[in-house]
Amino acid sequence: MAEDKDLWNKRVAILDEVVAANPQFERKGKTMPYTSANGHMFSLVNKDAEIGFRLSKESGEAFTKKYNTPPYKSHGAFMRGYVLIPEELHSDKKLLGELLQEAYEYVLTLKPK
């Protein structure tokens, strides 16, 4: 868990707020909050209080380049296809909502699990 439990709770609240604005999906998980569709996760808050969204390869590369973000990791492992949402974007709920919708639409293109 993040050293600062308050920070982790704040990041979960950010994800909750963005998810609540979209009736197409809901937040799941208690100790590792996430969203999923067709058996594929497309967002999560890791134990280090970092928010990650799963985007297509092209969108992920463009996002990483635009915001100069490092790879997203959870439990010490790189999460392929995920981008780290930088703190500077946490207050932009409109953008986060658009990115989360894009992540949702992307996983819908994947073969269901």
PDB file of N, CA and C in Angstrom:
ATOM      1  N   MET A   1       0.858  -1.183   0.000  1.00  0.00           N
ATOM      2  CA  MET A   1       0.000   0.000   0.000  1.00  0.00           C
ATOM      3  C   MET A   1       0.896   1.234   0.000  1.00  0.00           C
ATOM      4  N   ALA A   2       0.414   2.291  -0.561  1.00  0.00           N
ATOM      5  CA  ALA A   2       1.179   3.534  -0.589  1.00  0.00           C
ATOM      6  C   ALA A   2       1.530   3.938   0.837  1.00  0.00           C
ATOM      7  N   GLU A   3       2.687   4.542   0.992  1.00  0.00           N
ATOM      8  CA  GLU A   3       3.102   4.973   2.325  1.00  0.00           C
ATOM      9  C   GLU A   3       2.079   5.924   2.921  1.00  0.00           C
ATOM     10  N   ASP A   4       1.447   6.708   2.109  1.00  0.00           N
ATOM     11  CA  ASP A   4       0.466   7.676   2.576  1.00  0.00           C
ATOM     12  C   ASP A   4      -0.929   7.177   2.212  1.00  0.00           C
ATOM     13  N   LYS A   5      -1.615   6.611   3.181  1.00  0.00           N
ATOM     14  CA  LYS A   5      -2.955   6.061   2.956  1.00  0.00           C
ATOM     15  C   LYS A   5      -3.915   7.154   2.471  1.00  0.00           C
ATOM     16  N   ASP A   6      -3.728   8.377   2.959  1.00  0.00           N
ATOM     17  CA  ASP A   6      -4.579   9.480   2.509  1.00  0.00           C
ATOM     18  C   ASP A   6      -4.406   9.732   1.017  1.00  0.00           C
ATOM     19  N   LEU A   7      -3.172   9.656   0.539  1.00  0.00           N
ATOM     20  CA  LEU A   7      -2.914   9.850  -0.887  1.00  0.00           C
ATOM     21  C   LEU A   7      -3.600   8.756  -1.687  1.00  0.00           C
ATOM     22  N   TRP A   8      -3.478   7.514  -1.230  1.00  0.00           N
ATOM     23  CA  TRP A   8      -4.121   6.399  -1.919  1.00  0.00           C
ATOM     24  C   TRP A   8      -5.634   6.617  -1.970  1.00  0.00           C
ATOM     25  N   ASN A   9      -6.224   7.021  -0.851  1.00  0.00           N
ATOM     26  CA  ASN A   9      -7.672   7.282  -0.817  1.00  0.00           C
ATOM     27  C   ASN A   9      -8.061   8.414  -1.769  1.00  0.00           C
ATOM     28  N   LYS A  10      -7.213   9.430  -1.872  1.00  0.00           N
ATOM     29  CA  LYS A  10      -7.491  10.540  -2.793  1.00  0.00           C
ATOM     30  C   LYS A  10      -7.465  10.057  -4.241  1.00  0.00           C
ATOM     31  N   ARG A  11      -6.511   9.199  -4.572  1.00  0.00           N
ATOM     32  CA  ARG A  11      -6.415   8.689  -5.938  1.00  0.00           C
ATOM     33  C   ARG A  11      -7.603   7.774  -6.254  1.00  0.00           C
ATOM     34  N   VAL A  12      -8.028   6.974  -5.296  1.00  0.00           N
ATOM     35  CA  VAL A  12      -9.202   6.130  -5.494  1.00  0.00           C
ATOM     36  C   VAL A  12     -10.435   7.018  -5.692  1.00  0.00           C
ATOM     37  N   ALA A  13     -10.516   8.107  -4.939  1.00  0.00           N
ATOM     38  CA  ALA A  13     -11.645   9.036  -5.081  1.00  0.00           C
ATOM     39  C   ALA A  13     -11.661   9.663  -6.475  1.00  0.00           C
ATOM     40  N   ILE A  14     -10.496   9.943  -7.030  1.00  0.00           N
ATOM     41  CA  ILE A  14     -10.420  10.484  -8.395  1.00  0.00           C
ATOM     42  C   ILE A  14     -10.986   9.470  -9.382  1.00  0.00           C
ATOM     43  N   LEU A  15     -10.526   8.222  -9.274  1.00  0.00           N
ATOM     44  CA  LEU A  15     -11.050   7.186 -10.169  1.00  0.00           C
ATOM     45  C   LEU A  15     -12.555   7.022  -9.971  1.00  0.00           C
ATOM     46  N   ASP A  16     -12.990   6.999  -8.724  1.00  0.00           N
ATOM     47  CA  ASP A  16     -14.422   6.842  -8.439  1.00  0.00           C
ATOM     48  C   ASP A  16     -15.249   7.954  -9.081  1.00  0.00           C
ATOM     49  N   GLU A  17     -14.760   9.180  -8.984  1.00  0.00           N
ATOM     50  CA  GLU A  17     -15.489  10.316  -9.547  1.00  0.00           C
ATOM     51  C   GLU A  17     -15.606  10.210 -11.064  1.00  0.00           C
ATOM     52  N   VAL A  18     -14.521   9.832 -11.704  1.00  0.00           N
ATOM     53  CA  VAL A  18     -14.525   9.712 -13.164  1.00  0.00           C
ATOM     54  C   VAL A  18     -15.407   8.541 -13.597  1.00  0.00           C
ATOM     55  N   VAL A  19     -15.325   7.437 -12.883  1.00  0.00           N
ATOM     56  CA  VAL A  19     -16.146   6.272 -13.212  1.00  0.00           C
ATOM     57  C   VAL A  19     -17.627   6.575 -12.990  1.00  0.00           C
ATOM     58  N   ALA A  20     -17.943   7.261 -11.904  1.00  0.00           N
ATOM     59  CA  ALA A  20     -19.341   7.566 -11.584  1.00  0.00           C
ATOM     60  C   ALA A  20     -20.008   8.421 -12.656  1.00  0.00           C
ATOM     61  N   ALA A  21     -19.222   9.174 -13.397  1.00  0.00           N
ATOM     62  CA  ALA A  21     -19.765  10.035 -14.446  1.00  0.00           C
ATOM     63  C   ALA A  21     -20.124   9.259 -15.706  1.00  0.00           C
ATOM     64  N   ASN A  22     -19.769   7.967 -15.759  1.00  0.00           N
ATOM     65  CA  ASN A  22     -20.044   7.175 -16.949  1.00  0.00           C
ATOM     66  C   ASN A  22     -20.868   5.944 -16.572  1.00  0.00           C
ATOM     67  N   PRO A  23     -22.127   5.884 -16.992  1.00  0.00           N
ATOM     68  CA  PRO A  23     -22.986   4.760 -16.613  1.00  0.00           C
ATOM     69  C   PRO A  23     -22.671   3.444 -17.334  1.00  0.00           C
ATOM     70  N   GLN A  24     -21.721   3.442 -18.258  1.00  0.00           N
ATOM     71  CA  GLN A  24     -21.409   2.231 -19.012  1.00  0.00           C
ATOM     72  C   GLN A  24     -20.601   1.209 -18.214  1.00  0.00           C
ATOM     73  N   PHE A  25     -19.968   1.644 -17.127  1.00  0.00           N
ATOM     74  CA  PHE A  25     -19.155   0.728 -16.333  1.00  0.00           C
ATOM     75  C   PHE A  25     -19.140   1.191 -14.890  1.00  0.00           C
ATOM     76  N   GLU A  26     -18.640   0.309 -14.022  1.00  0.00           N
ATOM     77  CA  GLU A  26     -18.556   0.637 -12.605  1.00  0.00           C
ATOM     78  C   GLU A  26     -17.193   0.239 -12.061  1.00  0.00           C
ATOM     79  N   ARG A  27     -16.825   0.888 -10.974  1.00  0.00           N
ATOM     80  CA  ARG A  27     -15.563   0.572 -10.320  1.00  0.00           C
ATOM     81  C   ARG A  27     -15.738  -0.705  -9.517  1.00  0.00           C
ATOM     82  N   LYS A  28     -14.736  -1.565  -9.568  1.00  0.00           N
ATOM     83  CA  LYS A  28     -14.734  -2.824  -8.829  1.00  0.00           C
ATOM     84  C   LYS A  28     -13.502  -2.860  -7.939  1.00  0.00           C
ATOM     85  N   GLY A  29     -13.435  -3.859  -7.082  1.00  0.00           N
ATOM     86  CA  GLY A  29     -12.258  -4.066  -6.241  1.00  0.00           C
ATOM     87  C   GLY A  29     -12.239  -3.195  -5.009  1.00  0.00           C
ATOM     88  N   LYS A  30     -11.789  -3.763  -3.906  1.00  0.00           N
ATOM     89  CA  LYS A  30     -11.669  -3.008  -2.658  1.00  0.00           C
ATOM     90  C   LYS A  30     -10.214  -2.639  -2.376  1.00  0.00           C
ATOM     91  N   THR A  31      -9.324  -3.613  -2.451  1.00  0.00           N
ATOM     92  CA  THR A  31      -7.922  -3.333  -2.149  1.00  0.00           C
ATOM     93  C   THR A  31      -7.147  -2.878  -3.381  1.00  0.00           C
ATOM     94  N   MET A  32      -7.652  -3.191  -4.578  1.00  0.00           N
ATOM     95  CA  MET A  32      -7.069  -2.705  -5.815  1.00  0.00           C
ATOM     96  C   MET A  32      -8.219  -2.253  -6.711  1.00  0.00           C
ATOM     97  N   PRO A  33      -8.624  -1.007  -6.573  1.00  0.00           N
ATOM     98  CA  PRO A  33      -9.747  -0.505  -7.374  1.00  0.00           C
ATOM     99  C   PRO A  33      -9.445  -0.571  -8.870  1.00  0.00           C
ATOM    100  N   TYR A  34     -10.425  -1.039  -9.647  1.00  0.00           N
ATOM    101  CA  TYR A  34     -10.236  -1.183 -11.087  1.00  0.00           C
ATOM    102  C   TYR A  34     -11.573  -1.130 -11.808  1.00  0.00           C
ATOM    103  N   THR A  35     -11.505  -1.028 -13.122  1.00  0.00           N
ATOM    104  CA  THR A  35     -12.670  -1.192 -13.989  1.00  0.00           C
ATOM    105  C   THR A  35     -12.320  -2.269 -14.994  1.00  0.00           C
ATOM    106  N   SER A  36     -13.350  -2.966 -15.470  1.00  0.00           N
ATOM    107  CA  SER A  36     -13.112  -3.995 -16.478  1.00  0.00           C
ATOM    108  C   SER A  36     -14.333  -4.154 -17.363  1.00  0.00           C
ATOM    109  N   ALA A  37     -14.084  -4.723 -18.533  1.00  0.00           N
ATOM    110  CA  ALA A  37     -15.144  -5.047 -19.490  1.00  0.00           C
ATOM    111  C   ALA A  37     -14.674  -6.250 -20.293  1.00  0.00           C
ATOM    112  N   ASN A  38     -15.585  -7.162 -20.573  1.00  0.00           N
ATOM    113  CA  ASN A  38     -15.254  -8.377 -21.331  1.00  0.00           C
ATOM    114  C   ASN A  38     -14.097  -9.158 -20.708  1.00  0.00           C
ATOM    115  N   GLY A  39     -13.920  -9.048 -19.390  1.00  0.00           N
ATOM    116  CA  GLY A  39     -12.855  -9.767 -18.712  1.00  0.00           C
ATOM    117  C   GLY A  39     -11.499  -9.090 -18.767  1.00  0.00           C
ATOM    118  N   HIS A  40     -11.428  -7.869 -19.300  1.00  0.00           N
ATOM    119  CA  HIS A  40     -10.172  -7.131 -19.404  1.00  0.00           C
ATOM    120  C   HIS A  40     -10.237  -5.876 -18.532  1.00  0.00           C
ATOM    121  N   MET A  41      -9.253  -5.711 -17.653  1.00  0.00           N
ATOM    122  CA  MET A  41      -9.177  -4.471 -16.883  1.00  0.00           C
ATOM    123  C   MET A  41      -8.777  -3.337 -17.825  1.00  0.00           C
ATOM    124  N   PHE A  42      -9.321  -2.140 -17.522  1.00  0.00           N
ATOM    125  CA  PHE A  42      -8.893  -0.992 -18.329  1.00  0.00           C
ATOM    126  C   PHE A  42      -8.533   0.220 -17.490  1.00  0.00           C
ATOM    127  N   SER A  43      -8.623   0.116 -16.182  1.00  0.00           N
ATOM    128  CA  SER A  43      -8.093   1.153 -15.296  1.00  0.00           C
ATOM    129  C   SER A  43      -7.845   0.529 -13.935  1.00  0.00           C
ATOM    130  N   LEU A  44      -6.912   1.116 -13.199  1.00  0.00           N
ATOM    131  CA  LEU A  44      -6.695   0.675 -11.831  1.00  0.00           C
ATOM    132  C   LEU A  44      -5.884   1.694 -11.061  1.00  0.00           C
ATOM    133  N   VAL A  45      -5.955   1.572  -9.735  1.00  0.00           N
ATOM    134  CA  VAL A  45      -5.096   2.332  -8.833  1.00  0.00           C
ATOM    135  C   VAL A  45      -4.220   1.285  -8.151  1.00  0.00           C
ATOM    136  N   ASN A  46      -2.909   1.384  -8.341  1.00  0.00           N
ATOM    137  CA  ASN A  46      -2.009   0.386  -7.770  1.00  0.00           C
ATOM    138  C   ASN A  46      -1.713   0.685  -6.301  1.00  0.00           C
ATOM    139  N   LYS A  47      -0.931  -0.180  -5.670  1.00  0.00           N
ATOM    140  CA  LYS A  47      -0.637  -0.029  -4.248  1.00  0.00           C
ATOM    141  C   LYS A  47       0.194   1.218  -3.959  1.00  0.00           C
ATOM    142  N   ASP A  48       0.822   1.788  -4.987  1.00  0.00           N
ATOM    143  CA  ASP A  48       1.604   3.011  -4.817  1.00  0.00           C
ATOM    144  C   ASP A  48       0.787   4.268  -5.101  1.00  0.00           C
ATOM    145  N   ALA A  49      -0.531   4.110  -5.181  1.00  0.00           N
ATOM    146  CA  ALA A  49      -1.458   5.226  -5.397  1.00  0.00           C
ATOM    147  C   ALA A  49      -1.280   5.874  -6.771  1.00  0.00           C
ATOM    148  N   GLU A  50      -0.929   5.074  -7.760  1.00  0.00           N
ATOM    149  CA  GLU A  50      -0.791   5.570  -9.124  1.00  0.00           C
ATOM    150  C   GLU A  50      -1.975   5.087  -9.946  1.00  0.00           C
ATOM    151  N   ILE A  51      -2.510   5.989 -10.750  1.00  0.00           N
ATOM    152  CA  ILE A  51      -3.648   5.663 -11.607  1.00  0.00           C
ATOM    153  C   ILE A  51      -3.121   5.264 -12.978  1.00  0.00           C
ATOM    154  N   GLY A  52      -3.659   4.168 -13.505  1.00  0.00           N
ATOM    155  CA  GLY A  52      -3.269   3.715 -14.833  1.00  0.00           C
ATOM    156  C   GLY A  52      -4.486   3.396 -15.675  1.00  0.00           C
ATOM    157  N   PHE A  53      -4.433   3.740 -16.951  1.00  0.00           N
ATOM    158  CA  PHE A  53      -5.487   3.423 -17.918  1.00  0.00           C
ATOM    159  C   PHE A  53      -4.870   2.593 -19.033  1.00  0.00           C
ATOM    160  N   ARG A  54      -5.639   1.648 -19.539  1.00  0.00           N
ATOM    161  CA  ARG A  54      -5.180   0.795 -20.636  1.00  0.00           C
ATOM    162  C   ARG A  54      -5.654   1.380 -21.959  1.00  0.00           C
ATOM    163  N   LEU A  55      -4.715   1.715 -22.808  1.00  0.00           N
ATOM    164  CA  LEU A  55      -5.038   2.309 -24.106  1.00  0.00           C
ATOM    165  C   LEU A  55      -4.472   1.440 -25.224  1.00  0.00           C
ATOM    166  N   SER A  56      -4.938   1.693 -26.427  1.00  0.00           N
ATOM    167  CA  SER A  56      -4.377   0.989 -27.580  1.00  0.00           C
ATOM    168  C   SER A  56      -2.895   1.353 -27.686  1.00  0.00           C
ATOM    169  N   LYS A  57      -2.162   0.550 -28.416  1.00  0.00           N
ATOM    170  CA  LYS A  57      -0.730   0.796 -28.573  1.00  0.00           C
ATOM    171  C   LYS A  57      -0.466   2.202 -29.100  1.00  0.00           C
ATOM    172  N   GLU A  58      -1.214   2.595 -30.139  1.00  0.00           N
ATOM    173  CA  GLU A  58      -1.003   3.912 -30.746  1.00  0.00           C
ATOM    174  C   GLU A  58      -1.341   5.029 -29.764  1.00  0.00           C
ATOM    175  N   SER A  59      -2.487   4.935 -29.112  1.00  0.00           N
ATOM    176  CA  SER A  59      -2.889   5.975 -28.157  1.00  0.00           C
ATOM    177  C   SER A  59      -1.950   6.025 -26.964  1.00  0.00           C
ATOM    178  N   GLY A  60      -1.537   4.846 -26.501  1.00  0.00           N
ATOM    179  CA  GLY A  60      -0.621   4.792 -25.363  1.00  0.00           C
ATOM    180  C   GLY A  60       0.717   5.436 -25.680  1.00  0.00           C
ATOM    181  N   GLU A  61       1.238   5.160 -26.860  1.00  0.00           N
ATOM    182  CA  GLU A  61       2.515   5.759 -27.261  1.00  0.00           C
ATOM    183  C   GLU A  61       2.392   7.276 -27.388  1.00  0.00           C
ATOM    184  N   ALA A  62       1.291   7.741 -27.965  1.00  0.00           N
ATOM    185  CA  ALA A  62       1.077   9.185 -28.105  1.00  0.00           C
ATOM    186  C   ALA A  62       0.937   9.844 -26.730  1.00  0.00           C
ATOM    187  N   PHE A  63       0.207   9.196 -25.831  1.00  0.00           N
ATOM    188  CA  PHE A  63       0.009   9.731 -24.479  1.00  0.00           C
ATOM    189  C   PHE A  63       1.345   9.809 -23.742  1.00  0.00           C
ATOM    190  N   THR A  64       2.114   8.724 -23.789  1.00  0.00           N
ATOM    191  CA  THR A  64       3.399   8.679 -23.100  1.00  0.00           C
ATOM    192  C   THR A  64       4.345   9.757 -23.628  1.00  0.00           C
ATOM    193  N   LYS A  65       4.322   9.965 -24.923  1.00  0.00           N
ATOM    194  CA  LYS A  65       5.173  10.994 -25.527  1.00  0.00           C
ATOM    195  C   LYS A  65       4.708  12.393 -25.120  1.00  0.00           C
ATOM    196  N   LYS A  66       3.402  12.628 -25.188  1.00  0.00           N
ATOM    197  CA  LYS A  66       2.859  13.953 -24.873  1.00  0.00           C
ATOM    198  C   LYS A  66       3.100  14.351 -23.420  1.00  0.00           C
ATOM    199  N   TYR A  67       2.905  13.401 -22.490  1.00  0.00           N
ATOM    200  CA  TYR A  67       3.003  13.722 -21.064  1.00  0.00           C
ATOM    201  C   TYR A  67       4.307  13.241 -20.421  1.00  0.00           C
ATOM    202  N   ASN A  68       5.196  12.632 -21.232  1.00  0.00           N
ATOM    203  CA  ASN A  68       6.500  12.186 -20.759  1.00  0.00           C
ATOM    204  C   ASN A  68       6.372  11.340 -19.486  1.00  0.00           C
ATOM    205  N   THR A  69       5.534  10.312 -19.556  1.00  0.00           N
ATOM    206  CA  THR A  69       5.296   9.466 -18.389  1.00  0.00           C
ATOM    207  C   THR A  69       6.110   8.181 -18.468  1.00  0.00           C
ATOM    208  N   PRO A  70       6.540   7.681 -17.310  1.00  0.00           N
ATOM    209  CA  PRO A  70       7.239   6.394 -17.298  1.00  0.00           C
ATOM    210  C   PRO A  70       6.235   5.256 -17.486  1.00  0.00           C
ATOM    211  N   PRO A  71       6.712   4.046 -17.713  1.00  0.00           N
ATOM    212  CA  PRO A  71       5.798   2.907 -17.832  1.00  0.00           C
ATOM    213  C   PRO A  71       5.011   2.720 -16.526  1.00  0.00           C
ATOM    214  N   TYR A  72       3.806   2.197 -16.648  1.00  0.00           N
ATOM    215  CA  TYR A  72       2.956   1.954 -15.484  1.00  0.00           C
ATOM    216  C   TYR A  72       3.266   0.581 -14.912  1.00  0.00           C
ATOM    217  N   LYS A  73       3.454   0.523 -13.586  1.00  0.00           N
ATOM    218  CA  LYS A  73       3.748  -0.738 -12.924  1.00  0.00           C
ATOM    219  C   LYS A  73       2.722  -0.974 -11.811  1.00  0.00           C
ATOM    220  N   SER A  74       2.443  -2.232 -11.571  1.00  0.00           N
ATOM    221  CA  SER A  74       1.607  -2.627 -10.444  1.00  0.00           C
ATOM    222  C   SER A  74       2.224  -3.874  -9.839  1.00  0.00           C
ATOM    223  N   HIS A  75       2.409  -3.862  -8.539  1.00  0.00           N
ATOM    224  CA  HIS A  75       3.054  -4.979  -7.832  1.00  0.00           C
ATOM    225  C   HIS A  75       4.420  -5.305  -8.447  1.00  0.00           C
ATOM    226  N   GLY A  76       5.141  -4.264  -8.861  1.00  0.00           N
ATOM    227  CA  GLY A  76       6.488  -4.426  -9.387  1.00  0.00           C
ATOM    228  C   GLY A  76       6.581  -4.886 -10.832  1.00  0.00           C
ATOM    229  N   ALA A  77       5.445  -5.142 -11.457  1.00  0.00           N
ATOM    230  CA  ALA A  77       5.457  -5.614 -12.844  1.00  0.00           C
ATOM    231  C   ALA A  77       4.944  -4.532 -13.786  1.00  0.00           C
ATOM    232  N   PHE A  78       5.577  -4.442 -14.948  1.00  0.00           N
ATOM    233  CA  PHE A  78       5.104  -3.499 -15.952  1.00  0.00           C
ATOM    234  C   PHE A  78       3.755  -3.984 -16.472  1.00  0.00           C
ATOM    235  N   MET A  79       2.799  -3.093 -16.564  1.00  0.00           N
ATOM    236  CA  MET A  79       1.468  -3.415 -17.054  1.00  0.00           C
ATOM    237  C   MET A  79       1.414  -3.044 -18.531  1.00  0.00           C
ATOM    238  N   ARG A  80       1.549  -4.046 -19.387  1.00  0.00           N
ATOM    239  CA  ARG A  80       1.577  -3.820 -20.828  1.00  0.00           C
ATOM    240  C   ARG A  80       0.271  -3.165 -21.276  1.00  0.00           C
ATOM    241  N   GLY A  81       0.401  -2.097 -22.031  1.00  0.00           N
ATOM    242  CA  GLY A  81      -0.762  -1.409 -22.567  1.00  0.00           C
ATOM    243  C   GLY A  81      -1.307  -0.300 -21.675  1.00  0.00           C
ATOM    244  N   TYR A  82      -0.768  -0.197 -20.465  1.00  0.00           N
ATOM    245  CA  TYR A  82      -1.248   0.829 -19.533  1.00  0.00           C
ATOM    246  C   TYR A  82      -0.369   2.067 -19.589  1.00  0.00           C
ATOM    247  N   VAL A  83      -0.991   3.212 -19.357  1.00  0.00           N
ATOM    248  CA  VAL A  83      -0.245   4.465 -19.223  1.00  0.00           C
ATOM    249  C   VAL A  83      -0.439   4.986 -17.808  1.00  0.00           C
ATOM    250  N   LEU A  84       0.588   5.590 -17.285  1.00  0.00           N
ATOM    251  CA  LEU A  84       0.532   6.226 -15.983  1.00  0.00           C
ATOM    252  C   LEU A  84      -0.120   7.593 -16.149  1.00  0.00           C
ATOM    253  N   ILE A  85      -1.171   7.832 -15.399  1.00  0.00           N
ATOM    254  CA  ILE A  85      -1.832   9.138 -15.451  1.00  0.00           C
ATOM    255  C   ILE A  85      -1.061  10.078 -14.531  1.00  0.00           C
ATOM    256  N   PRO A  86      -0.389  11.080 -15.100  1.00  0.00           N
ATOM    257  CA  PRO A  86       0.422  11.964 -14.262  1.00  0.00           C
ATOM    258  C   PRO A  86      -0.443  12.842 -13.356  1.00  0.00           C
ATOM    259  N   GLU A  87       0.135  13.196 -12.231  1.00  0.00           N
ATOM    260  CA  GLU A  87      -0.580  13.991 -11.231  1.00  0.00           C
ATOM    261  C   GLU A  87      -1.138  15.283 -11.819  1.00  0.00           C
ATOM    262  N   GLU A  88      -0.450  15.860 -12.776  1.00  0.00           N
ATOM    263  CA  GLU A  88      -0.903  17.117 -13.376  1.00  0.00           C
ATOM    264  C   GLU A  88      -2.277  16.984 -14.046  1.00  0.00           C
ATOM    265  N   LEU A  89      -2.683  15.760 -14.384  1.00  0.00           N
ATOM    266  CA  LEU A  89      -3.981  15.541 -15.037  1.00  0.00           C
ATOM    267  C   LEU A  89      -5.081  15.150 -14.060  1.00  0.00           C
ATOM    268  N   HIS A  90      -4.747  14.891 -12.813  1.00  0.00           N
ATOM    269  CA  HIS A  90      -5.738  14.388 -11.859  1.00  0.00           C
ATOM    270  C   HIS A  90      -6.917  15.327 -11.632  1.00  0.00           C
ATOM    271  N   SER A  91      -6.724  16.599 -11.806  1.00  0.00           N
ATOM    272  CA  SER A  91      -7.825  17.548 -11.585  1.00  0.00           C
ATOM    273  C   SER A  91      -8.661  17.773 -12.845  1.00  0.00           C
ATOM    274  N   ASP A  92      -8.199  17.278 -13.987  1.00  0.00           N
ATOM    275  CA  ASP A  92      -8.922  17.464 -15.244  1.00  0.00           C
ATOM    276  C   ASP A  92      -9.874  16.282 -15.461  1.00  0.00           C
ATOM    277  N   LYS A  93     -11.008  16.336 -14.761  1.00  0.00           N
ATOM    278  CA  LYS A  93     -11.955  15.212 -14.800  1.00  0.00           C
ATOM    279  C   LYS A  93     -12.541  15.001 -16.188  1.00  0.00           C
ATOM    280  N   LYS A  94     -12.673  16.059 -16.968  1.00  0.00           N
ATOM    281  CA  LYS A  94     -13.192  15.918 -18.329  1.00  0.00           C
ATOM    282  C   LYS A  94     -12.225  15.080 -19.174  1.00  0.00           C
ATOM    283  N   LEU A  95     -10.950  15.418 -19.126  1.00  0.00           N
ATOM    284  CA  LEU A  95      -9.948  14.671 -19.870  1.00  0.00           C
ATOM    285  C   LEU A  95      -9.859  13.234 -19.360  1.00  0.00           C
ATOM    286  N   LEU A  96      -9.861  13.059 -18.044  1.00  0.00           N
ATOM    287  CA  LEU A  96      -9.802  11.714 -17.482  1.00  0.00           C
ATOM    288  C   LEU A  96     -11.004  10.886 -17.922  1.00  0.00           C
ATOM    289  N   GLY A  97     -12.168  11.519 -17.964  1.00  0.00           N
ATOM    290  CA  GLY A  97     -13.361  10.821 -18.431  1.00  0.00           C
ATOM    291  C   GLY A  97     -13.232  10.399 -19.885  1.00  0.00           C
ATOM    292  N   GLU A  98     -12.675  11.270 -20.711  1.00  0.00           N
ATOM    293  CA  GLU A  98     -12.477  10.940 -22.133  1.00  0.00           C
ATOM    294  C   GLU A  98     -11.475   9.803 -22.286  1.00  0.00           C
ATOM    295  N   LEU A  99     -10.391   9.845 -21.505  1.00  0.00           N
ATOM    296  CA  LEU A  99      -9.383   8.788 -21.572  1.00  0.00           C
ATOM    297  C   LEU A  99      -9.946   7.457 -21.078  1.00  0.00           C
ATOM    298  N   LEU A 100     -10.746   7.503 -20.016  1.00  0.00           N
ATOM    299  CA  LEU A 100     -11.334   6.276 -19.497  1.00  0.00           C
ATOM    300  C   LEU A 100     -12.335   5.687 -20.489  1.00  0.00           C
ATOM    301  N   GLN A 101     -13.091   6.545 -21.156  1.00  0.00           N
ATOM    302  CA  GLN A 101     -14.013   6.071 -22.193  1.00  0.00           C
ATOM    303  C   GLN A 101     -13.223   5.431 -23.337  1.00  0.00           C
ATOM    304  N   GLU A 102     -12.125   6.050 -23.714  1.00  0.00           N
ATOM    305  CA  GLU A 102     -11.275   5.491 -24.771  1.00  0.00           C
ATOM    306  C   GLU A 102     -10.722   4.125 -24.340  1.00  0.00           C
ATOM    307  N   ALA A 103     -10.318   4.014 -23.080  1.00  0.00           N
ATOM    308  CA  ALA A 103      -9.805   2.749 -22.557  1.00  0.00           C
ATOM    309  C   ALA A 103     -10.901   1.675 -22.590  1.00  0.00           C
ATOM    310  N   TYR A 104     -12.105   2.053 -22.198  1.00  0.00           N
ATOM    311  CA  TYR A 104     -13.249   1.136 -22.219  1.00  0.00           C
ATOM    312  C   TYR A 104     -13.521   0.655 -23.649  1.00  0.00           C
ATOM    313  N   GLU A 105     -13.574   1.596 -24.571  1.00  0.00           N
ATOM    314  CA  GLU A 105     -13.823   1.226 -25.968  1.00  0.00           C
ATOM    315  C   GLU A 105     -12.715   0.347 -26.519  1.00  0.00           C
ATOM    316  N   TYR A 106     -11.494   0.593 -26.088  1.00  0.00           N
ATOM    317  CA  TYR A 106     -10.373  -0.233 -26.559  1.00  0.00           C
ATOM    318  C   TYR A 106     -10.540  -1.685 -26.097  1.00  0.00           C
ATOM    319  N   VAL A 107     -10.817  -1.910 -24.801  1.00  0.00           N
ATOM    320  CA  VAL A 107     -10.909  -3.306 -24.331  1.00  0.00           C
ATOM    321  C   VAL A 107     -12.110  -4.026 -24.950  1.00  0.00           C
ATOM    322  N   LEU A 108     -13.110  -3.283 -25.377  1.00  0.00           N
ATOM    323  CA  LEU A 108     -14.244  -3.915 -26.041  1.00  0.00           C
ATOM    324  C   LEU A 108     -13.840  -4.504 -27.394  1.00  0.00           C
ATOM    325  N   THR A 109     -12.720  -4.032 -27.952  1.00  0.00           N
ATOM    326  CA  THR A 109     -12.237  -4.564 -29.227  1.00  0.00           C
ATOM    327  C   THR A 109     -11.431  -5.846 -29.035  1.00  0.00           C
ATOM    328  N   LEU A 110     -11.068  -6.159 -27.797  1.00  0.00           N
ATOM    329  CA  LEU A 110     -10.274  -7.344 -27.501  1.00  0.00           C
ATOM    330  C   LEU A 110     -11.180  -8.566 -27.364  1.00  0.00           C
ATOM    331  N   LYS A 111     -10.613  -9.731 -27.630  1.00  0.00           N
ATOM    332  CA  LYS A 111     -11.374 -10.978 -27.499  1.00  0.00           C
ATOM    333  C   LYS A 111     -11.786 -11.139 -26.031  1.00  0.00           C
ATOM    334  N   PRO A 112     -13.085 -11.361 -25.780  1.00  0.00           N
ATOM    335  CA  PRO A 112     -13.536 -11.515 -24.382  1.00  0.00           C
ATOM    336  C   PRO A 112     -12.831 -12.676 -23.689  1.00  0.00           C
ATOM    337  N   LYS A 113     -12.591 -12.514 -22.401  1.00  0.00           N
ATOM    338  CA  LYS A 113     -11.962 -13.586 -21.611  1.00  0.00           C
ATOM    339  C   LYS A 113     -13.039 -14.441 -20.978  1.00  0.00           C
TER     340      LYS A 113
END
